[in-house]
Amino acid sequence: MMNDQHLDESKKRLAARERAEQIYREQQEHEEQERRGWTRIADLIVMHHQPKMRKDKRQEQKEEKEEEKSNARDKARQLYEQAEEQEQRKKSVRRVIGRV
């Protein structure tokens, strides 16, 4: 009788320990899911406040085009100035030849 009572108490303690472990695991799992949820929310907030890549690429392309236009203008200006210098040289050579 004593052994049966002792065995029943051991079974009850074992069942209580298993329930406590199960509750602890569920609590840990719940906390982990909650942490992941908050991490996901934080990631979404950060992503929302970052500039979008498409706009960056478009802005980069726009800046490249503007730079190309600026370079083309500079090159055209240089060529125009060179042409003017050549024209001035021709005129000065004609004057010198005309005087001789």
PDB file of N, CA and C in Angstrom:
ATOM      1  N   MET A   1       0.828  -1.180   0.000  1.00  0.00           N
ATOM      2  CA  MET A   1       0.000   0.000   0.000  1.00  0.00           C
ATOM      3  C   MET A   1       0.875   1.248   0.000  1.00  0.00           C
ATOM      4  N   MET A   2       1.898   1.231   0.805  1.00  0.00           N
ATOM      5  CA  MET A   2       2.808   2.356   0.874  1.00  0.00           C
ATOM      6  C   MET A   2       3.532   2.532  -0.449  1.00  0.00           C
ATOM      7  N   ASN A   3       3.905   1.421  -1.057  1.00  0.00           N
ATOM      8  CA  ASN A   3       4.590   1.490  -2.346  1.00  0.00           C
ATOM      9  C   ASN A   3       3.679   2.074  -3.418  1.00  0.00           C
ATOM     10  N   ASP A   4       2.399   1.659  -3.402  1.00  0.00           N
ATOM     11  CA  ASP A   4       1.446   2.181  -4.382  1.00  0.00           C
ATOM     12  C   ASP A   4       1.252   3.683  -4.199  1.00  0.00           C
ATOM     13  N   GLN A   5       1.149   4.099  -2.950  1.00  0.00           N
ATOM     14  CA  GLN A   5       0.981   5.529  -2.661  1.00  0.00           C
ATOM     15  C   GLN A   5       2.235   6.297  -3.084  1.00  0.00           C
ATOM     16  N   HIS A   6       3.389   5.731  -2.791  1.00  0.00           N
ATOM     17  CA  HIS A   6       4.655   6.368  -3.177  1.00  0.00           C
ATOM     18  C   HIS A   6       4.771   6.445  -4.704  1.00  0.00           C
ATOM     19  N   LEU A   7       4.371   5.357  -5.370  1.00  0.00           N
ATOM     20  CA  LEU A   7       4.406   5.318  -6.836  1.00  0.00           C
ATOM     21  C   LEU A   7       3.449   6.359  -7.425  1.00  0.00           C
ATOM     22  N   ASP A   8       2.259   6.486  -6.861  1.00  0.00           N
ATOM     23  CA  ASP A   8       1.291   7.487  -7.330  1.00  0.00           C
ATOM     24  C   ASP A   8       1.835   8.903  -7.154  1.00  0.00           C
ATOM     25  N   GLU A   9       2.467   9.157  -6.008  1.00  0.00           N
ATOM     26  CA  GLU A   9       3.042  10.482  -5.770  1.00  0.00           C
ATOM     27  C   GLU A   9       4.164  10.780  -6.765  1.00  0.00           C
ATOM     28  N   SER A  10       4.975   9.775  -7.054  1.00  0.00           N
ATOM     29  CA  SER A  10       6.063   9.949  -8.030  1.00  0.00           C
ATOM     30  C   SER A  10       5.492  10.254  -9.412  1.00  0.00           C
ATOM     31  N   LYS A  11       4.433   9.527  -9.780  1.00  0.00           N
ATOM     32  CA  LYS A  11       3.793   9.765 -11.078  1.00  0.00           C
ATOM     33  C   LYS A  11       3.224  11.181 -11.142  1.00  0.00           C
ATOM     34  N   LYS A  12       2.587  11.614 -10.032  1.00  0.00           N
ATOM     35  CA  LYS A  12       2.019  12.965  -9.990  1.00  0.00           C
ATOM     36  C   LYS A  12       3.117  14.021 -10.116  1.00  0.00           C
ATOM     37  N   ARG A  13       4.247  13.799  -9.386  1.00  0.00           N
ATOM     38  CA  ARG A  13       5.359  14.756  -9.475  1.00  0.00           C
ATOM     39  C   ARG A  13       5.945  14.791 -10.888  1.00  0.00           C
ATOM     40  N   LEU A  14       6.067  13.598 -11.481  1.00  0.00           N
ATOM     41  CA  LEU A  14       6.600  13.523 -12.842  1.00  0.00           C
ATOM     42  C   LEU A  14       5.660  14.231 -13.822  1.00  0.00           C
ATOM     43  N   ALA A  15       4.360  14.009 -13.676  1.00  0.00           N
ATOM     44  CA  ALA A  15       3.382  14.665 -14.546  1.00  0.00           C
ATOM     45  C   ALA A  15       3.413  16.176 -14.339  1.00  0.00           C
ATOM     46  N   ALA A  16       3.534  16.603 -13.077  1.00  0.00           N
ATOM     47  CA  ALA A  16       3.591  18.042 -12.784  1.00  0.00           C
ATOM     48  C   ALA A  16       4.859  18.650 -13.388  1.00  0.00           C
ATOM     49  N   ARG A  17       5.981  17.937 -13.280  1.00  0.00           N
ATOM     50  CA  ARG A  17       7.233  18.430 -13.852  1.00  0.00           C
ATOM     51  C   ARG A  17       7.120  18.536 -15.379  1.00  0.00           C
ATOM     52  N   GLU A  18       6.517  17.518 -16.000  1.00  0.00           N
ATOM     53  CA  GLU A  18       6.343  17.543 -17.459  1.00  0.00           C
ATOM     54  C   GLU A  18       5.440  18.704 -17.877  1.00  0.00           C
ATOM     55  N   ARG A  19       4.363  18.933 -17.111  1.00  0.00           N
ATOM     56  CA  ARG A  19       3.479  20.065 -17.417  1.00  0.00           C
ATOM     57  C   ARG A  19       4.231  21.382 -17.273  1.00  0.00           C
ATOM     58  N   ALA A  20       5.034  21.498 -16.218  1.00  0.00           N
ATOM     59  CA  ALA A  20       5.809  22.727 -15.999  1.00  0.00           C
ATOM     60  C   ALA A  20       6.808  22.943 -17.141  1.00  0.00           C
ATOM     61  N   GLU A  21       7.469  21.851 -17.561  1.00  0.00           N
ATOM     62  CA  GLU A  21       8.412  21.964 -18.678  1.00  0.00           C
ATOM     63  C   GLU A  21       7.690  22.360 -19.962  1.00  0.00           C
ATOM     64  N   GLN A  22       6.513  21.769 -20.182  1.00  0.00           N
ATOM     65  CA  GLN A  22       5.734  22.096 -21.377  1.00  0.00           C
ATOM     66  C   GLN A  22       5.312  23.566 -21.352  1.00  0.00           C
ATOM     67  N   ILE A  23       4.840  24.026 -20.201  1.00  0.00           N
ATOM     68  CA  ILE A  23       4.439  25.433 -20.066  1.00  0.00           C
ATOM     69  C   ILE A  23       5.636  26.337 -20.301  1.00  0.00           C
ATOM     70  N   TYR A  24       6.793  25.952 -19.749  1.00  0.00           N
ATOM     71  CA  TYR A  24       8.015  26.754 -19.930  1.00  0.00           C
ATOM     72  C   TYR A  24       8.396  26.820 -21.416  1.00  0.00           C
ATOM     73  N   ARG A  25       8.352  25.661 -22.109  1.00  0.00           N
ATOM     74  CA  ARG A  25       8.684  25.641 -23.549  1.00  0.00           C
ATOM     75  C   ARG A  25       7.713  26.509 -24.347  1.00  0.00           C
ATOM     76  N   GLU A  26       6.427  26.407 -24.029  1.00  0.00           N
ATOM     77  CA  GLU A  26       5.433  27.221 -24.725  1.00  0.00           C
ATOM     78  C   GLU A  26       5.678  28.707 -24.479  1.00  0.00           C
ATOM     79  N   GLN A  27       6.020  29.042 -23.235  1.00  0.00           N
ATOM     80  CA  GLN A  27       6.299  30.441 -22.909  1.00  0.00           C
ATOM     81  C   GLN A  27       7.529  30.931 -23.678  1.00  0.00           C
ATOM     82  N   GLN A  28       8.575  30.112 -23.719  1.00  0.00           N
ATOM     83  CA  GLN A  28       9.790  30.482 -24.453  1.00  0.00           C
ATOM     84  C   GLN A  28       9.488  30.655 -25.943  1.00  0.00           C
ATOM     85  N   GLU A  29       8.689  29.732 -26.488  1.00  0.00           N
ATOM     86  CA  GLU A  29       8.318  29.811 -27.898  1.00  0.00           C
ATOM     87  C   GLU A  29       7.503  31.080 -28.173  1.00  0.00           C
ATOM     88  N   HIS A  30       6.582  31.379 -27.269  1.00  0.00           N
ATOM     89  CA  HIS A  30       5.766  32.584 -27.417  1.00  0.00           C
ATOM     90  C   HIS A  30       6.643  33.836 -27.383  1.00  0.00           C
ATOM     91  N   GLU A  31       7.593  33.880 -26.439  1.00  0.00           N
ATOM     92  CA  GLU A  31       8.499  35.029 -26.350  1.00  0.00           C
ATOM     93  C   GLU A  31       9.360  35.153 -27.606  1.00  0.00           C
ATOM     94  N   GLU A  32       9.805  34.021 -28.133  1.00  0.00           N
ATOM     95  CA  GLU A  32      10.619  34.032 -29.355  1.00  0.00           C
ATOM     96  C   GLU A  32       9.796  34.558 -30.536  1.00  0.00           C
ATOM     97  N   GLN A  33       8.556  34.099 -30.655  1.00  0.00           N
ATOM     98  CA  GLN A  33       7.692  34.583 -31.730  1.00  0.00           C
ATOM     99  C   GLN A  33       7.426  36.074 -31.579  1.00  0.00           C
ATOM    100  N   GLU A  34       7.210  36.509 -30.350  1.00  0.00           N
ATOM    101  CA  GLU A  34       6.978  37.931 -30.107  1.00  0.00           C
ATOM    102  C   GLU A  34       8.219  38.745 -30.479  1.00  0.00           C
ATOM    103  N   ARG A  35       9.396  38.239 -30.107  1.00  0.00           N
ATOM    104  CA  ARG A  35      10.646  38.925 -30.432  1.00  0.00           C
ATOM    105  C   ARG A  35      10.816  39.004 -31.952  1.00  0.00           C
ATOM    106  N   ARG A  36      10.530  37.889 -32.630  1.00  0.00           N
ATOM    107  CA  ARG A  36      10.625  37.894 -34.096  1.00  0.00           C
ATOM    108  C   ARG A  36       9.642  38.888 -34.699  1.00  0.00           C
ATOM    109  N   GLY A  37       8.457  38.960 -34.106  1.00  0.00           N
ATOM    110  CA  GLY A  37       7.455  39.912 -34.591  1.00  0.00           C
ATOM    111  C   GLY A  37       7.942  41.345 -34.455  1.00  0.00           C
ATOM    112  N   TRP A  38       8.512  41.669 -33.298  1.00  0.00           N
ATOM    113  CA  TRP A  38       9.022  43.026 -33.092  1.00  0.00           C
ATOM    114  C   TRP A  38      10.215  43.297 -33.995  1.00  0.00           C
ATOM    115  N   THR A  39      11.041  42.276 -34.203  1.00  0.00           N
ATOM    116  CA  THR A  39      12.180  42.438 -35.113  1.00  0.00           C
ATOM    117  C   THR A  39      11.663  42.719 -36.517  1.00  0.00           C
ATOM    118  N   ARG A  40      10.634  42.005 -36.926  1.00  0.00           N
ATOM    119  CA  ARG A  40      10.052  42.208 -38.263  1.00  0.00           C
ATOM    120  C   ARG A  40       9.466  43.618 -38.369  1.00  0.00           C
ATOM    121  N   ILE A  41       8.781  44.057 -37.333  1.00  0.00           N
ATOM    122  CA  ILE A  41       8.210  45.409 -37.338  1.00  0.00           C
ATOM    123  C   ILE A  41       9.322  46.440 -37.445  1.00  0.00           C
ATOM    124  N   ALA A  42      10.396  46.239 -36.678  1.00  0.00           N
ATOM    125  CA  ALA A  42      11.532  47.170 -36.736  1.00  0.00           C
ATOM    126  C   ALA A  42      12.151  47.171 -38.130  1.00  0.00           C
ATOM    127  N   ASP A  43      12.278  45.991 -38.736  1.00  0.00           N
ATOM    128  CA  ASP A  43      12.826  45.912 -40.095  1.00  0.00           C
ATOM    129  C   ASP A  43      11.945  46.675 -41.080  1.00  0.00           C
ATOM    130  N   LEU A  44      10.639  46.531 -40.936  1.00  0.00           N
ATOM    131  CA  LEU A  44       9.723  47.233 -41.834  1.00  0.00           C
ATOM    132  C   LEU A  44       9.828  48.742 -41.656  1.00  0.00           C
ATOM    133  N   ILE A  45       9.967  49.184 -40.417  1.00  0.00           N
ATOM    134  CA  ILE A  45      10.103  50.621 -40.157  1.00  0.00           C
ATOM    135  C   ILE A  45      11.377  51.144 -40.792  1.00  0.00           C
ATOM    136  N   VAL A  46      12.471  50.418 -40.615  1.00  0.00           N
ATOM    137  CA  VAL A  46      13.748  50.841 -41.195  1.00  0.00           C
ATOM    138  C   VAL A  46      13.649  50.871 -42.714  1.00  0.00           C
ATOM    139  N   MET A  47      13.055  49.834 -43.300  1.00  0.00           N
ATOM    140  CA  MET A  47      12.928  49.786 -44.760  1.00  0.00           C
ATOM    141  C   MET A  47      12.059  50.935 -45.257  1.00  0.00           C
ATOM    142  N   HIS A  48      11.025  51.278 -44.495  1.00  0.00           N
ATOM    143  CA  HIS A  48      10.125  52.351 -44.910  1.00  0.00           C
ATOM    144  C   HIS A  48      10.849  53.692 -44.954  1.00  0.00           C
ATOM    145  N   HIS A  49      11.772  53.904 -44.024  1.00  0.00           N
ATOM    146  CA  HIS A  49      12.453  55.190 -43.945  1.00  0.00           C
ATOM    147  C   HIS A  49      13.691  55.277 -44.824  1.00  0.00           C
ATOM    148  N   GLN A  50      14.078  54.178 -45.458  1.00  0.00           N
ATOM    149  CA  GLN A  50      15.223  54.224 -46.362  1.00  0.00           C
ATOM    150  C   GLN A  50      14.740  54.643 -47.743  1.00  0.00           C
ATOM    151  N   PRO A  51      15.564  55.396 -48.480  1.00  0.00           N
ATOM    152  CA  PRO A  51      15.163  55.752 -49.837  1.00  0.00           C
ATOM    153  C   PRO A  51      15.074  54.498 -50.698  1.00  0.00           C
ATOM    154  N   LYS A  52      14.140  54.521 -51.596  1.00  0.00           N
ATOM    155  CA  LYS A  52      13.937  53.351 -52.440  1.00  0.00           C
ATOM    156  C   LYS A  52      15.025  53.279 -53.499  1.00  0.00           C
ATOM    157  N   MET A  53      15.416  52.067 -53.834  1.00  0.00           N
ATOM    158  CA  MET A  53      16.525  51.861 -54.766  1.00  0.00           C
ATOM    159  C   MET A  53      16.169  52.365 -56.164  1.00  0.00           C
ATOM    160  N   ARG A  54      14.931  52.184 -56.567  1.00  0.00           N
ATOM    161  CA  ARG A  54      14.547  52.637 -57.904  1.00  0.00           C
ATOM    162  C   ARG A  54      14.811  54.133 -58.061  1.00  0.00           C
ATOM    163  N   LYS A  55      14.416  54.886 -57.059  1.00  0.00           N
ATOM    164  CA  LYS A  55      14.616  56.327 -57.121  1.00  0.00           C
ATOM    165  C   LYS A  55      16.099  56.642 -57.166  1.00  0.00           C
ATOM    166  N   ASP A  56      16.886  55.890 -56.393  1.00  0.00           N
ATOM    167  CA  ASP A  56      18.326  56.118 -56.402  1.00  0.00           C
ATOM    168  C   ASP A  56      18.895  55.860 -57.791  1.00  0.00           C
ATOM    169  N   LYS A  57      18.470  54.768 -58.414  1.00  0.00           N
ATOM    170  CA  LYS A  57      18.969  54.446 -59.753  1.00  0.00           C
ATOM    171  C   LYS A  57      18.524  55.510 -60.747  1.00  0.00           C
ATOM    172  N   ARG A  58      17.274  55.916 -60.636  1.00  0.00           N
ATOM    173  CA  ARG A  58      16.776  56.958 -61.539  1.00  0.00           C
ATOM    174  C   ARG A  58      17.541  58.254 -61.327  1.00  0.00           C
ATOM    175  N   GLN A  59      17.766  58.589 -60.070  1.00  0.00           N
ATOM    176  CA  GLN A  59      18.508  59.812 -59.757  1.00  0.00           C
ATOM    177  C   GLN A  59      19.924  59.712 -60.303  1.00  0.00           C
ATOM    178  N   GLU A  60      20.547  58.539 -60.148  1.00  0.00           N
ATOM    179  CA  GLU A  60      21.896  58.332 -60.672  1.00  0.00           C
ATOM    180  C   GLU A  60      21.913  58.515 -62.182  1.00  0.00           C
ATOM    181  N   GLN A  61      20.942  57.905 -62.864  1.00  0.00           N
ATOM    182  CA  GLN A  61      20.872  58.023 -64.319  1.00  0.00           C
ATOM    183  C   GLN A  61      20.667  59.479 -64.721  1.00  0.00           C
ATOM    184  N   LYS A  62      19.813  60.169 -64.000  1.00  0.00           N
ATOM    185  CA  LYS A  62      19.552  61.575 -64.298  1.00  0.00           C
ATOM    186  C   LYS A  62      20.827  62.397 -64.126  1.00  0.00           C
ATOM    187  N   GLU A  63      21.549  62.152 -63.033  1.00  0.00           N
ATOM    188  CA  GLU A  63      22.797  62.877 -62.795  1.00  0.00           C
ATOM    189  C   GLU A  63      23.832  62.560 -63.867  1.00  0.00           C
ATOM    190  N   GLU A  64      23.892  61.290 -64.292  1.00  0.00           N
ATOM    191  CA  GLU A  64      24.832  60.912 -65.351  1.00  0.00           C
ATOM    192  C   GLU A  64      24.496  61.640 -66.651  1.00  0.00           C
ATOM    193  N   LYS A  65      23.209  61.706 -66.985  1.00  0.00           N
ATOM    194  CA  LYS A  65      22.803  62.402 -68.207  1.00  0.00           C
ATOM    195  C   LYS A  65      23.157  63.882 -68.125  1.00  0.00           C
ATOM    196  N   GLU A  66      22.892  64.483 -66.961  1.00  0.00           N
ATOM    197  CA  GLU A  66      23.224  65.900 -66.788  1.00  0.00           C
ATOM    198  C   GLU A  66      24.731  66.118 -66.899  1.00  0.00           C
ATOM    199  N   GLU A  67      25.502  65.198 -66.345  1.00  0.00           N
ATOM    200  CA  GLU A  67      26.958  65.303 -66.424  1.00  0.00           C
ATOM    201  C   GLU A  67      27.426  65.163 -67.875  1.00  0.00           C
ATOM    202  N   GLU A  68      26.812  64.220 -68.607  1.00  0.00           N
ATOM    203  CA  GLU A  68      27.161  64.052 -70.018  1.00  0.00           C
ATOM    204  C   GLU A  68      26.832  65.318 -70.804  1.00  0.00           C
ATOM    205  N   LYS A  69      25.668  65.906 -70.526  1.00  0.00           N
ATOM    206  CA  LYS A  69      25.297  67.150 -71.206  1.00  0.00           C
ATOM    207  C   LYS A  69      26.288  68.255 -70.878  1.00  0.00           C
ATOM    208  N   SER A  70      26.666  68.341 -69.609  1.00  0.00           N
ATOM    209  CA  SER A  70      27.620  69.359 -69.186  1.00  0.00           C
ATOM    210  C   SER A  70      28.964  69.148 -69.878  1.00  0.00           C
ATOM    211  N   ASN A  71      29.411  67.900 -69.932  1.00  0.00           N
ATOM    212  CA  ASN A  71      30.668  67.593 -70.618  1.00  0.00           C
ATOM    213  C   ASN A  71      30.576  67.925 -72.100  1.00  0.00           C
ATOM    214  N   ALA A  72      29.432  67.624 -72.713  1.00  0.00           N
ATOM    215  CA  ALA A  72      29.243  67.932 -74.132  1.00  0.00           C
ATOM    216  C   ALA A  72      29.271  69.446 -74.353  1.00  0.00           C
ATOM    217  N   ARG A  73      28.645  70.206 -73.452  1.00  0.00           N
ATOM    218  CA  ARG A  73      28.672  71.672 -73.567  1.00  0.00           C
ATOM    219  C   ARG A  73      30.103  72.198 -73.449  1.00  0.00           C
ATOM    220  N   ASP A  74      30.840  71.658 -72.470  1.00  0.00           N
ATOM    221  CA  ASP A  74      32.232  72.082 -72.294  1.00  0.00           C
ATOM    222  C   ASP A  74      33.054  71.773 -73.540  1.00  0.00           C
ATOM    223  N   LYS A  75      32.861  70.598 -74.088  1.00  0.00           N
ATOM    224  CA  LYS A  75      33.605  70.201 -75.292  1.00  0.00           C
ATOM    225  C   LYS A  75      33.228  71.117 -76.461  1.00  0.00           C
ATOM    226  N   ALA A  76      31.938  71.402 -76.612  1.00  0.00           N
ATOM    227  CA  ALA A  76      31.491  72.288 -77.690  1.00  0.00           C
ATOM    228  C   ALA A  76      32.080  73.682 -77.503  1.00  0.00           C
ATOM    229  N   ARG A  77      32.103  74.162 -76.272  1.00  0.00           N
ATOM    230  CA  ARG A  77      32.676  75.478 -75.984  1.00  0.00           C
ATOM    231  C   ARG A  77      34.165  75.500 -76.342  1.00  0.00           C
ATOM    232  N   GLN A  78      34.882  74.433 -75.981  1.00  0.00           N
ATOM    233  CA  GLN A  78      36.306  74.346 -76.311  1.00  0.00           C
ATOM    234  C   GLN A  78      36.520  74.345 -77.823  1.00  0.00           C
ATOM    235  N   LEU A  79      35.717  73.549 -78.519  1.00  0.00           N
ATOM    236  CA  LEU A  79      35.849  73.490 -79.981  1.00  0.00           C
ATOM    237  C   LEU A  79      35.537  74.846 -80.608  1.00  0.00           C
ATOM    238  N   TYR A  80      34.535  75.528 -80.097  1.00  0.00           N
ATOM    239  CA  TYR A  80      34.177  76.847 -80.609  1.00  0.00           C
ATOM    240  C   TYR A  80      35.322  77.835 -80.386  1.00  0.00           C
ATOM    241  N   GLU A  81      35.902  77.795 -79.175  1.00  0.00           N
ATOM    242  CA  GLU A  81      37.025  78.690 -78.878  1.00  0.00           C
ATOM    243  C   GLU A  81      38.224  78.374 -79.764  1.00  0.00           C
ATOM    244  N   GLN A  82      38.482  77.093 -80.005  1.00  0.00           N
ATOM    245  CA  GLN A  82      39.586  76.710 -80.889  1.00  0.00           C
ATOM    246  C   GLN A  82      39.327  77.213 -82.311  1.00  0.00           C
ATOM    247  N   ALA A  83      38.097  77.081 -82.757  1.00  0.00           N
ATOM    248  CA  ALA A  83      37.755  77.542 -84.103  1.00  0.00           C
ATOM    249  C   ALA A  83      37.932  79.055 -84.200  1.00  0.00           C
ATOM    250  N   GLU A  84      37.524  79.785 -83.163  1.00  0.00           N
ATOM    251  CA  GLU A  84      37.711  81.241 -83.159  1.00  0.00           C
ATOM    252  C   GLU A  84      39.194  81.599 -83.194  1.00  0.00           C
ATOM    253  N   GLU A  85      40.005  80.883 -82.412  1.00  0.00           N
ATOM    254  CA  GLU A  85      41.449  81.142 -82.408  1.00  0.00           C
ATOM    255  C   GLU A  85      42.043  80.891 -83.790  1.00  0.00           C
ATOM    256  N   GLN A  86      41.630  79.812 -84.431  1.00  0.00           N
ATOM    257  CA  GLN A  86      42.140  79.518 -85.774  1.00  0.00           C
ATOM    258  C   GLN A  86      41.720  80.612 -86.754  1.00  0.00           C
ATOM    259  N   GLU A  87      40.491  81.056 -86.603  1.00  0.00           N
ATOM    260  CA  GLU A  87      40.003  82.125 -87.486  1.00  0.00           C
ATOM    261  C   GLU A  87      40.814  83.402 -87.267  1.00  0.00           C
ATOM    262  N   GLN A  88      41.098  83.727 -86.021  1.00  0.00           N
ATOM    263  CA  GLN A  88      41.909  84.911 -85.711  1.00  0.00           C
ATOM    264  C   GLN A  88      43.311  84.767 -86.293  1.00  0.00           C
ATOM    265  N   ARG A  89      43.889  83.577 -86.199  1.00  0.00           N
ATOM    266  CA  ARG A  89      45.220  83.341 -86.776  1.00  0.00           C
ATOM    267  C   ARG A  89      45.197  83.556 -88.287  1.00  0.00           C
ATOM    268  N   LYS A  90      44.161  83.002 -88.923  1.00  0.00           N
ATOM    269  CA  LYS A  90      44.057  83.169 -90.379  1.00  0.00           C
ATOM    270  C   LYS A  90      43.978  84.649 -90.745  1.00  0.00           C
ATOM    271  N   LYS A  91      43.169  85.387 -89.998  1.00  0.00           N
ATOM    272  CA  LYS A  91      43.031  86.818 -90.276  1.00  0.00           C
ATOM    273  C   LYS A  91      44.351  87.543 -90.061  1.00  0.00           C
ATOM    274  N   SER A  92      45.060  87.186 -88.973  1.00  0.00           N
ATOM    275  CA  SER A  92      46.337  87.863 -88.718  1.00  0.00           C
ATOM    276  C   SER A  92      47.371  87.481 -89.773  1.00  0.00           C
ATOM    277  N   VAL A  93      47.344  86.246 -90.249  1.00  0.00           N
ATOM    278  CA  VAL A  93      48.270  85.830 -91.314  1.00  0.00           C
ATOM    279  C   VAL A  93      47.939  86.594 -92.587  1.00  0.00           C
ATOM    280  N   ARG A  94      46.662  86.773 -92.905  1.00  0.00           N
ATOM    281  CA  ARG A  94      46.260  87.511 -94.109  1.00  0.00           C
ATOM    282  C   ARG A  94      46.718  88.964 -94.015  1.00  0.00           C
ATOM    283  N   ARG A  95      46.599  89.541 -92.809  1.00  0.00           N
ATOM    284  CA  ARG A  95      47.049  90.926 -92.632  1.00  0.00           C
ATOM    285  C   ARG A  95      48.556  91.034 -92.862  1.00  0.00           C
ATOM    286  N   VAL A  96      49.282  90.058 -92.269  1.00  0.00           N
ATOM    287  CA  VAL A  96      50.739  90.085 -92.428  1.00  0.00           C
ATOM    288  C   VAL A  96      51.095  89.884 -93.898  1.00  0.00           C
ATOM    289  N   ILE A  97      50.442  88.959 -94.573  1.00  0.00           N
ATOM    290  CA  ILE A  97      50.722  88.708 -95.991  1.00  0.00           C
ATOM    291  C   ILE A  97      50.320  89.922 -96.821  1.00  0.00           C
ATOM    292  N   GLY A  98      49.216  90.555 -96.464  1.00  0.00           N
ATOM    293  CA  GLY A  98      48.754  91.737 -97.194  1.00  0.00           C
ATOM    294  C   GLY A  98      49.722  92.892 -97.047  1.00  0.00           C
ATOM    295  N   ARG A  99      50.426  92.998 -95.947  1.00  0.00           N
ATOM    296  CA  ARG A  99      51.377  94.080 -95.725  1.00  0.00           C
ATOM    297  C   ARG A  99      52.673  93.846 -96.490  1.00  0.00           C
ATOM    298  N   VAL A 100      52.971  92.618 -96.702  1.00  0.00           N
ATOM    299  CA  VAL A 100      54.258  92.339 -97.345  1.00  0.00           C
ATOM    300  C   VAL A 100      54.225  92.659 -98.768  1.00  0.00           C
TER     301      VAL A 100
END
